[in-house]
PDB file of N, CA and C in Angstrom:
ATOM      1  N   MET A   1      -4.376   3.321 -13.291  1.00  0.00           N
ATOM      2  CA  MET A   1      -5.346   4.397 -13.417  1.00  0.00           C
ATOM      3  C   MET A   1      -6.579   4.016 -12.591  1.00  0.00           C
ATOM      4  N   ASN A   2      -7.001   4.921 -11.734  1.00  0.00           N
ATOM      5  CA  ASN A   2      -8.222   4.685 -10.967  1.00  0.00           C
ATOM      6  C   ASN A   2      -9.395   5.386 -11.661  1.00  0.00           C
ATOM      7  N   LYS A   3     -10.559   5.287 -11.057  1.00  0.00           N
ATOM      8  CA  LYS A   3     -11.761   5.828 -11.692  1.00  0.00           C
ATOM      9  C   LYS A   3     -11.678   7.345 -11.889  1.00  0.00           C
ATOM     10  N   GLN A   4     -11.179   8.061 -10.904  1.00  0.00           N
ATOM     11  CA  GLN A   4     -11.096   9.520 -11.029  1.00  0.00           C
ATOM     12  C   GLN A   4     -10.136   9.921 -12.138  1.00  0.00           C
ATOM     13  N   GLU A   5      -9.034   9.215 -12.265  1.00  0.00           N
ATOM     14  CA  GLU A   5      -8.089   9.498 -13.347  1.00  0.00           C
ATOM     15  C   GLU A   5      -8.719   9.204 -14.708  1.00  0.00           C
ATOM     16  N   LEU A   6      -9.548   8.161 -14.774  1.00  0.00           N
ATOM     17  CA  LEU A   6     -10.275   7.849 -16.005  1.00  0.00           C
ATOM     18  C   LEU A   6     -11.255   8.966 -16.340  1.00  0.00           C
ATOM     19  N   VAL A   7     -11.986   9.434 -15.361  1.00  0.00           N
ATOM     20  CA  VAL A   7     -12.927  10.540 -15.566  1.00  0.00           C
ATOM     21  C   VAL A   7     -12.183  11.770 -16.066  1.00  0.00           C
ATOM     22  N   ASP A   8     -11.047  12.093 -15.456  1.00  0.00           N
ATOM     23  CA  ASP A   8     -10.256  13.252 -15.876  1.00  0.00           C
ATOM     24  C   ASP A   8      -9.790  13.111 -17.325  1.00  0.00           C
ATOM     25  N   ALA A   9      -9.315  11.913 -17.698  1.00  0.00           N
ATOM     26  CA  ALA A   9      -8.802  11.689 -19.051  1.00  0.00           C
ATOM     27  C   ALA A   9      -9.912  11.791 -20.093  1.00  0.00           C
ATOM     28  N   VAL A  10     -11.067  11.201 -19.801  1.00  0.00           N
ATOM     29  CA  VAL A  10     -12.186  11.252 -20.750  1.00  0.00           C
ATOM     30  C   VAL A  10     -12.736  12.668 -20.848  1.00  0.00           C
ATOM     31  N   ALA A  11     -12.840  13.361 -19.737  1.00  0.00           N
ATOM     32  CA  ALA A  11     -13.338  14.742 -19.744  1.00  0.00           C
ATOM     33  C   ALA A  11     -12.423  15.649 -20.570  1.00  0.00           C
ATOM     34  N   ALA A  12     -11.124  15.425 -20.493  1.00  0.00           N
ATOM     35  CA  ALA A  12     -10.181  16.241 -21.256  1.00  0.00           C
ATOM     36  C   ALA A  12     -10.336  16.012 -22.761  1.00  0.00           C
ATOM     37  N   VAL A  13     -10.613  14.783 -23.155  1.00  0.00           N
ATOM     38  CA  VAL A  13     -10.749  14.464 -24.580  1.00  0.00           C
ATOM     39  C   VAL A  13     -12.086  14.936 -25.139  1.00  0.00           C
ATOM     40  N   THR A  14     -13.149  14.812 -24.347  1.00  0.00           N
ATOM     41  CA  THR A  14     -14.497  15.125 -24.841  1.00  0.00           C
ATOM     42  C   THR A  14     -14.928  16.561 -24.580  1.00  0.00           C
ATOM     43  N   ASP A  15     -14.165  17.319 -23.823  1.00  0.00           N
ATOM     44  CA  ASP A  15     -14.525  18.690 -23.453  1.00  0.00           C
ATOM     45  C   ASP A  15     -15.854  18.770 -22.697  1.00  0.00           C
ATOM     46  N   GLU A  16     -16.181  17.715 -21.972  1.00  0.00           N
ATOM     47  CA  GLU A  16     -17.360  17.704 -21.095  1.00  0.00           C
ATOM     48  C   GLU A  16     -16.893  18.000 -19.667  1.00  0.00           C
ATOM     49  N   SER A  17     -17.846  18.338 -18.822  1.00  0.00           N
ATOM     50  CA  SER A  17     -17.491  18.568 -17.419  1.00  0.00           C
ATOM     51  C   SER A  17     -17.147  17.230 -16.769  1.00  0.00           C
ATOM     52  N   LYS A  18     -16.375  17.301 -15.701  1.00  0.00           N
ATOM     53  CA  LYS A  18     -16.005  16.078 -14.987  1.00  0.00           C
ATOM     54  C   LYS A  18     -17.225  15.420 -14.361  1.00  0.00           C
ATOM     55  N   ALA A  19     -18.180  16.205 -13.905  1.00  0.00           N
ATOM     56  CA  ALA A  19     -19.399  15.649 -13.309  1.00  0.00           C
ATOM     57  C   ALA A  19     -20.202  14.879 -14.349  1.00  0.00           C
ATOM     58  N   ALA A  20     -20.368  15.459 -15.542  1.00  0.00           N
ATOM     59  CA  ALA A  20     -21.120  14.782 -16.605  1.00  0.00           C
ATOM     60  C   ALA A  20     -20.384  13.534 -17.073  1.00  0.00           C
ATOM     61  N   THR A  21     -19.076  13.628 -17.183  1.00  0.00           N
ATOM     62  CA  THR A  21     -18.280  12.475 -17.604  1.00  0.00           C
ATOM     63  C   THR A  21     -18.353  11.367 -16.569  1.00  0.00           C
ATOM     64  N   GLY A  22     -18.274  11.719 -15.294  1.00  0.00           N
ATOM     65  CA  GLY A  22     -18.396  10.723 -14.224  1.00  0.00           C
ATOM     66  C   GLY A  22     -19.740  10.030 -14.257  1.00  0.00           C
ATOM     67  N   ALA A  23     -20.806  10.789 -14.517  1.00  0.00           N
ATOM     68  CA  ALA A  23     -22.149  10.200 -14.601  1.00  0.00           C
ATOM     69  C   ALA A  23     -22.249   9.254 -15.793  1.00  0.00           C
ATOM     70  N   MET A  24     -21.626   9.617 -16.917  1.00  0.00           N
ATOM     71  CA  MET A  24     -21.654   8.745 -18.101  1.00  0.00           C
ATOM     72  C   MET A  24     -20.885   7.449 -17.848  1.00  0.00           C
ATOM     73  N   ILE A  25     -19.739   7.557 -17.222  1.00  0.00           N
ATOM     74  CA  ILE A  25     -18.949   6.354 -16.921  1.00  0.00           C
ATOM     75  C   ILE A  25     -19.698   5.463 -15.945  1.00  0.00           C
ATOM     76  N   ASP A  26     -20.335   6.054 -14.932  1.00  0.00           N
ATOM     77  CA  ASP A  26     -21.151   5.274 -13.993  1.00  0.00           C
ATOM     78  C   ASP A  26     -22.286   4.563 -14.716  1.00  0.00           C
ATOM     79  N   ALA A  27     -22.915   5.242 -15.683  1.00  0.00           N
ATOM     80  CA  ALA A  27     -24.014   4.643 -16.434  1.00  0.00           C
ATOM     81  C   ALA A  27     -23.528   3.477 -17.290  1.00  0.00           C
ATOM     82  N   VAL A  28     -22.362   3.616 -17.903  1.00  0.00           N
ATOM     83  CA  VAL A  28     -21.801   2.524 -18.708  1.00  0.00           C
ATOM     84  C   VAL A  28     -21.494   1.319 -17.828  1.00  0.00           C
ATOM     85  N   ILE A  29     -20.864   1.554 -16.695  1.00  0.00           N
ATOM     86  CA  ILE A  29     -20.539   0.461 -15.775  1.00  0.00           C
ATOM     87  C   ILE A  29     -21.809  -0.212 -15.278  1.00  0.00           C
ATOM     88  N   ALA A  30     -22.836   0.566 -14.946  1.00  0.00           N
ATOM     89  CA  ALA A  30     -24.102  -0.002 -14.478  1.00  0.00           C
ATOM     90  C   ALA A  30     -24.768  -0.832 -15.570  1.00  0.00           C
ATOM     91  N   ALA A  31     -24.717  -0.366 -16.817  1.00  0.00           N
ATOM     92  CA  ALA A  31     -25.326  -1.104 -17.923  1.00  0.00           C
ATOM     93  C   ALA A  31     -24.596  -2.429 -18.157  1.00  0.00           C
ATOM     94  N   ILE A  32     -23.272  -2.403 -18.127  1.00  0.00           N
ATOM     95  CA  ILE A  32     -22.495  -3.634 -18.306  1.00  0.00           C
ATOM     96  C   ILE A  32     -22.765  -4.600 -17.158  1.00  0.00           C
ATOM     97  N   THR A  33     -22.756  -4.092 -15.933  1.00  0.00           N
ATOM     98  CA  THR A  33     -23.014  -4.925 -14.760  1.00  0.00           C
ATOM     99  C   THR A  33     -24.403  -5.555 -14.822  1.00  0.00           C
ATOM    100  N   GLY A  34     -25.403  -4.769 -15.181  1.00  0.00           N
ATOM    101  CA  GLY A  34     -26.771  -5.282 -15.270  1.00  0.00           C
ATOM    102  C   GLY A  34     -26.912  -6.357 -16.326  1.00  0.00           C
ATOM    103  N   ALA A  35     -26.306  -6.161 -17.479  1.00  0.00           N
ATOM    104  CA  ALA A  35     -26.414  -7.142 -18.559  1.00  0.00           C
ATOM    105  C   ALA A  35     -25.710  -8.448 -18.201  1.00  0.00           C
ATOM    106  N   VAL A  36     -24.499  -8.351 -17.649  1.00  0.00           N
ATOM    107  CA  VAL A  36     -23.754  -9.561 -17.293  1.00  0.00           C
ATOM    108  C   VAL A  36     -24.438 -10.285 -16.137  1.00  0.00           C
ATOM    109  N   THR A  37     -25.029  -9.541 -15.210  1.00  0.00           N
ATOM    110  CA  THR A  37     -25.768 -10.153 -14.103  1.00  0.00           C
ATOM    111  C   THR A  37     -26.938 -10.993 -14.613  1.00  0.00           C
ATOM    112  N   LYS A  38     -27.588 -10.532 -15.687  1.00  0.00           N
ATOM    113  CA  LYS A  38     -28.701 -11.278 -16.287  1.00  0.00           C
ATOM    114  C   LYS A  38     -28.235 -12.465 -17.123  1.00  0.00           C
ATOM    115  N   GLY A  39     -26.937 -12.580 -17.343  1.00  0.00           N
ATOM    116  CA  GLY A  39     -26.403 -13.686 -18.132  1.00  0.00           C
ATOM    117  C   GLY A  39     -26.101 -13.323 -19.570  1.00  0.00           C
ATOM    118  N   ASP A  40     -26.302 -12.069 -19.940  1.00  0.00           N
ATOM    119  CA  ASP A  40     -26.004 -11.630 -21.302  1.00  0.00           C
ATOM    120  C   ASP A  40     -24.498 -11.395 -21.457  1.00  0.00           C
ATOM    121  N   THR A  41     -24.052 -11.384 -22.704  1.00  0.00           N
ATOM    122  CA  THR A  41     -22.669 -11.034 -23.022  1.00  0.00           C
ATOM    123  C   THR A  41     -22.653  -9.615 -23.557  1.00  0.00           C
ATOM    124  N   VAL A  42     -21.725  -8.802 -23.073  1.00  0.00           N
ATOM    125  CA  VAL A  42     -21.564  -7.439 -23.555  1.00  0.00           C
ATOM    126  C   VAL A  42     -20.304  -7.423 -24.418  1.00  0.00           C
ATOM    127  N   GLN A  43     -20.484  -7.145 -25.704  1.00  0.00           N
ATOM    128  CA  GLN A  43     -19.364  -7.159 -26.637  1.00  0.00           C
ATOM    129  C   GLN A  43     -19.124  -5.752 -27.161  1.00  0.00           C
ATOM    130  N   LEU A  44     -17.945  -5.236 -26.898  1.00  0.00           N
ATOM    131  CA  LEU A  44     -17.539  -3.924 -27.366  1.00  0.00           C
ATOM    132  C   LEU A  44     -16.469  -4.155 -28.432  1.00  0.00           C
ATOM    133  N   ILE A  45     -16.858  -4.024 -29.698  1.00  0.00           N
ATOM    134  CA  ILE A  45     -15.967  -4.323 -30.808  1.00  0.00           C
ATOM    135  C   ILE A  45     -14.684  -3.496 -30.686  1.00  0.00           C
ATOM    136  N   GLY A  46     -13.558  -4.155 -30.793  1.00  0.00           N
ATOM    137  CA  GLY A  46     -12.263  -3.497 -30.691  1.00  0.00           C
ATOM    138  C   GLY A  46     -11.728  -3.427 -29.272  1.00  0.00           C
ATOM    139  N   PHE A  47     -12.594  -3.613 -28.289  1.00  0.00           N
ATOM    140  CA  PHE A  47     -12.152  -3.562 -26.889  1.00  0.00           C
ATOM    141  C   PHE A  47     -12.179  -4.941 -26.261  1.00  0.00           C
ATOM    142  N   GLY A  48     -13.357  -5.576 -26.222  1.00  0.00           N
ATOM    143  CA  GLY A  48     -13.452  -6.905 -25.643  1.00  0.00           C
ATOM    144  C   GLY A  48     -14.870  -7.266 -25.278  1.00  0.00           C
ATOM    145  N   SER A  49     -15.011  -8.424 -24.634  1.00  0.00           N
ATOM    146  CA  SER A  49     -16.322  -8.949 -24.260  1.00  0.00           C
ATOM    147  C   SER A  49     -16.347  -9.285 -22.776  1.00  0.00           C
ATOM    148  N   PHE A  50     -17.465  -8.952 -22.141  1.00  0.00           N
ATOM    149  CA  PHE A  50     -17.718  -9.331 -20.756  1.00  0.00           C
ATOM    150  C   PHE A  50     -18.790 -10.415 -20.774  1.00  0.00           C
ATOM    151  N   SER A  51     -18.577 -11.506 -20.049  1.00  0.00           N
ATOM    152  CA  SER A  51     -19.561 -12.580 -20.002  1.00  0.00           C
ATOM    153  C   SER A  51     -19.465 -13.285 -18.651  1.00  0.00           C
ATOM    154  N   THR A  52     -20.396 -14.209 -18.418  1.00  0.00           N
ATOM    155  CA  THR A  52     -20.368 -14.982 -17.182  1.00  0.00           C
ATOM    156  C   THR A  52     -19.750 -16.344 -17.448  1.00  0.00           C
ATOM    157  N   GLY A  53     -19.168 -16.899 -16.424  1.00  0.00           N
ATOM    158  CA  GLY A  53     -18.598 -18.235 -16.472  1.00  0.00           C
ATOM    159  C   GLY A  53     -19.010 -18.968 -15.216  1.00  0.00           C
ATOM    160  N   ALA A  54     -18.575 -20.201 -15.113  1.00  0.00           N
ATOM    161  CA  ALA A  54     -18.913 -21.002 -13.936  1.00  0.00           C
ATOM    162  C   ALA A  54     -17.654 -21.654 -13.386  1.00  0.00           C
ATOM    163  N   ARG A  55     -17.541 -21.664 -12.096  1.00  0.00           N
ATOM    164  CA  ARG A  55     -16.451 -22.352 -11.423  1.00  0.00           C
ATOM    165  C   ARG A  55     -17.074 -23.505 -10.646  1.00  0.00           C
ATOM    166  N   ALA A  56     -16.614 -24.705 -10.893  1.00  0.00           N
ATOM    167  CA  ALA A  56     -17.172 -25.889 -10.246  1.00  0.00           C
ATOM    168  C   ALA A  56     -16.782 -25.945  -8.766  1.00  0.00           C
ATOM    169  N   ALA A  57     -17.579 -26.669  -7.994  1.00  0.00           N
ATOM    170  CA  ALA A  57     -17.251 -26.899  -6.587  1.00  0.00           C
ATOM    171  C   ALA A  57     -15.991 -27.763  -6.538  1.00  0.00           C
ATOM    172  N   ARG A  58     -15.183 -27.548  -5.508  1.00  0.00           N
ATOM    173  CA  ARG A  58     -13.943 -28.307  -5.403  1.00  0.00           C
ATOM    174  C   ARG A  58     -13.516 -28.409  -3.940  1.00  0.00           C
ATOM    175  N   VAL A  59     -12.552 -29.266  -3.716  1.00  0.00           N
ATOM    176  CA  VAL A  59     -12.010 -29.426  -2.375  1.00  0.00           C
ATOM    177  C   VAL A  59     -10.712 -28.631  -2.296  1.00  0.00           C
ATOM    178  N   GLY A  60     -10.605 -27.816  -1.265  1.00  0.00           N
ATOM    179  CA  GLY A  60      -9.399 -27.027  -1.041  1.00  0.00           C
ATOM    180  C   GLY A  60      -8.807 -27.367   0.317  1.00  0.00           C
ATOM    181  N   ARG A  61      -7.726 -26.693   0.639  1.00  0.00           N
ATOM    182  CA  ARG A  61      -7.077 -26.915   1.938  1.00  0.00           C
ATOM    183  C   ARG A  61      -6.909 -25.584   2.662  1.00  0.00           C
ATOM    184  N   ASN A  62      -7.131 -25.635   3.967  1.00  0.00           N
ATOM    185  CA  ASN A  62      -6.862 -24.489   4.814  1.00  0.00           C
ATOM    186  C   ASN A  62      -5.343 -24.387   4.946  1.00  0.00           C
ATOM    187  N   PRO A  63      -4.733 -23.298   4.501  1.00  0.00           N
ATOM    188  CA  PRO A  63      -3.274 -23.218   4.540  1.00  0.00           C
ATOM    189  C   PRO A  63      -2.690 -23.227   5.954  1.00  0.00           C
ATOM    190  N   ALA A  64      -3.468 -22.797   6.923  1.00  0.00           N
ATOM    191  CA  ALA A  64      -2.962 -22.748   8.292  1.00  0.00           C
ATOM    192  C   ALA A  64      -2.955 -24.125   8.947  1.00  0.00           C
ATOM    193  N   THR A  65      -4.022 -24.902   8.712  1.00  0.00           N
ATOM    194  CA  THR A  65      -4.137 -26.188   9.401  1.00  0.00           C
ATOM    195  C   THR A  65      -3.933 -27.384   8.479  1.00  0.00           C
ATOM    196  N   GLY A  66      -4.069 -27.178   7.191  1.00  0.00           N
ATOM    197  CA  GLY A  66      -3.947 -28.289   6.248  1.00  0.00           C
ATOM    198  C   GLY A  66      -5.221 -29.102   6.126  1.00  0.00           C
ATOM    199  N   ALA A  67      -6.265 -28.714   6.848  1.00  0.00           N
ATOM    200  CA  ALA A  67      -7.526 -29.459   6.803  1.00  0.00           C
ATOM    201  C   ALA A  67      -8.236 -29.223   5.474  1.00  0.00           C
ATOM    202  N   GLU A  68      -8.857 -30.281   4.958  1.00  0.00           N
ATOM    203  CA  GLU A  68      -9.622 -30.142   3.719  1.00  0.00           C
ATOM    204  C   GLU A  68     -10.901 -29.367   3.992  1.00  0.00           C
ATOM    205  N   MET A  69     -11.322 -28.592   2.985  1.00  0.00           N
ATOM    206  CA  MET A  69     -12.567 -27.847   3.102  1.00  0.00           C
ATOM    207  C   MET A  69     -13.232 -27.811   1.735  1.00  0.00           C
ATOM    208  N   GLN A  70     -14.535 -27.777   1.742  1.00  0.00           N
ATOM    209  CA  GLN A  70     -15.302 -27.746   0.499  1.00  0.00           C
ATOM    210  C   GLN A  70     -15.462 -26.298   0.043  1.00  0.00           C
ATOM    211  N   ILE A  71     -15.099 -26.024  -1.205  1.00  0.00           N
ATOM    212  CA  ILE A  71     -15.273 -24.697  -1.783  1.00  0.00           C
ATOM    213  C   ILE A  71     -16.467 -24.781  -2.722  1.00  0.00           C
ATOM    214  N   ALA A  72     -17.459 -23.946  -2.495  1.00  0.00           N
ATOM    215  CA  ALA A  72     -18.715 -24.002  -3.244  1.00  0.00           C
ATOM    216  C   ALA A  72     -18.523 -23.547  -4.689  1.00  0.00           C
ATOM    217  N   ALA A  73     -19.422 -23.988  -5.548  1.00  0.00           N
ATOM    218  CA  ALA A  73     -19.443 -23.539  -6.936  1.00  0.00           C
ATOM    219  C   ALA A  73     -19.788 -22.050  -6.963  1.00  0.00           C
ATOM    220  N   ALA A  74     -19.321 -21.363  -7.992  1.00  0.00           N
ATOM    221  CA  ALA A  74     -19.565 -19.925  -8.070  1.00  0.00           C
ATOM    222  C   ALA A  74     -19.649 -19.482  -9.520  1.00  0.00           C
ATOM    223  N   LYS A  75     -20.398 -18.409  -9.735  1.00  0.00           N
ATOM    224  CA  LYS A  75     -20.405 -17.762 -11.041  1.00  0.00           C
ATOM    225  C   LYS A  75     -19.224 -16.801 -11.075  1.00  0.00           C
ATOM    226  N   THR A  76     -18.632 -16.630 -12.245  1.00  0.00           N
ATOM    227  CA  THR A  76     -17.515 -15.715 -12.393  1.00  0.00           C
ATOM    228  C   THR A  76     -17.789 -14.758 -13.546  1.00  0.00           C
ATOM    229  N   VAL A  77     -17.054 -13.691 -13.590  1.00  0.00           N
ATOM    230  CA  VAL A  77     -17.126 -12.746 -14.701  1.00  0.00           C
ATOM    231  C   VAL A  77     -15.868 -12.934 -15.529  1.00  0.00           C
ATOM    232  N   LYS A  78     -16.056 -13.098 -16.841  1.00  0.00           N
ATOM    233  CA  LYS A  78     -14.921 -13.266 -17.733  1.00  0.00           C
ATOM    234  C   LYS A  78     -14.805 -12.044 -18.639  1.00  0.00           C
ATOM    235  N   PHE A  79     -13.574 -11.625 -18.884  1.00  0.00           N
ATOM    236  CA  PHE A  79     -13.312 -10.575 -19.860  1.00  0.00           C
ATOM    237  C   PHE A  79     -12.360 -11.151 -20.885  1.00  0.00           C
ATOM    238  N   THR A  80     -12.733 -11.032 -22.145  1.00  0.00           N
ATOM    239  CA  THR A  80     -11.878 -11.465 -23.236  1.00  0.00           C
ATOM    240  C   THR A  80     -11.521 -10.229 -24.047  1.00  0.00           C
ATOM    241  N   ALA A  81     -10.246  -9.937 -24.138  1.00  0.00           N
ATOM    242  CA  ALA A  81      -9.798  -8.751 -24.862  1.00  0.00           C
ATOM    243  C   ALA A  81      -9.999  -8.935 -26.358  1.00  0.00           C
ATOM    244  N   GLY A  82     -10.412  -7.863 -27.032  1.00  0.00           N
ATOM    245  CA  GLY A  82     -10.599  -7.878 -28.475  1.00  0.00           C
ATOM    246  C   GLY A  82      -9.271  -7.744 -29.203  1.00  0.00           C
ATOM    247  N   LYS A  83      -9.279  -8.036 -30.484  1.00  0.00           N
ATOM    248  CA  LYS A  83      -8.056  -8.026 -31.285  1.00  0.00           C
ATOM    249  C   LYS A  83      -7.383  -6.655 -31.293  1.00  0.00           C
ATOM    250  N   ALA A  84      -8.145  -5.595 -31.493  1.00  0.00           N
ATOM    251  CA  ALA A  84      -7.552  -4.252 -31.544  1.00  0.00           C
ATOM    252  C   ALA A  84      -6.898  -3.896 -30.213  1.00  0.00           C
ATOM    253  N   PHE A  85      -7.521  -4.295 -29.099  1.00  0.00           N
ATOM    254  CA  PHE A  85      -6.981  -4.027 -27.776  1.00  0.00           C
ATOM    255  C   PHE A  85      -5.672  -4.808 -27.575  1.00  0.00           C
ATOM    256  N   LYS A  86      -5.682  -6.087 -27.945  1.00  0.00           N
ATOM    257  CA  LYS A  86      -4.477  -6.911 -27.829  1.00  0.00           C
ATOM    258  C   LYS A  86      -3.347  -6.334 -28.679  1.00  0.00           C
ATOM    259  N   ASP A  87      -3.675  -5.944 -29.911  1.00  0.00           N
ATOM    260  CA  ASP A  87      -2.659  -5.387 -30.813  1.00  0.00           C
ATOM    261  C   ASP A  87      -2.077  -4.090 -30.247  1.00  0.00           C
ATOM    262  N   ALA A  88      -2.912  -3.248 -29.645  1.00  0.00           N
ATOM    263  CA  ALA A  88      -2.434  -1.992 -29.057  1.00  0.00           C
ATOM    264  C   ALA A  88      -1.503  -2.252 -27.883  1.00  0.00           C
ATOM    265  N   VAL A  89      -1.836  -3.234 -27.069  1.00  0.00           N
ATOM    266  CA  VAL A  89      -0.995  -3.568 -25.903  1.00  0.00           C
ATOM    267  C   VAL A  89       0.326  -4.160 -26.375  1.00  0.00           C
ATOM    268  N   ASN A  90       0.285  -5.028 -27.367  1.00  0.00           N
ATOM    269  CA  ASN A  90       1.506  -5.680 -27.840  1.00  0.00           C
ATOM    270  C   ASN A  90       2.385  -4.748 -28.669  1.00  0.00           C
ATOM    271  N   ALA A  91       1.838  -3.667 -29.209  1.00  0.00           N
ATOM    272  CA  ALA A  91       2.619  -2.733 -30.014  1.00  0.00           C
ATOM    273  C   ALA A  91       3.518  -1.849 -29.158  1.00  0.00           C
ATOM    274  N   SER A  92       3.147  -1.690 -27.889  1.00  0.00           N
ATOM    275  CA  SER A  92       3.933  -0.782 -27.026  1.00  0.00           C
ATOM    276  C   SER A  92       5.091  -1.479 -26.368  1.00  0.00           C
TER     277      SER A  92
END
């Protein structure tokens, strides 16, 4: 499912216009992105949690030449599925 299909599905359930639904989904995504960018955890009970993680610097290899290269440390985004979400996926 892509974003437009999500907008269509939510609009059908809520009886809102697709434009209003698209704006609401954009606002939710922006709010989650802003909070996680600041280092906060966004927890949606029954769905899951978005948080930041850290990936340490490490040595990797160039697959073409085999030469070692340094891979810099990076922040990552983690999603942990909630119990209700896991149960729904496993029930199908």
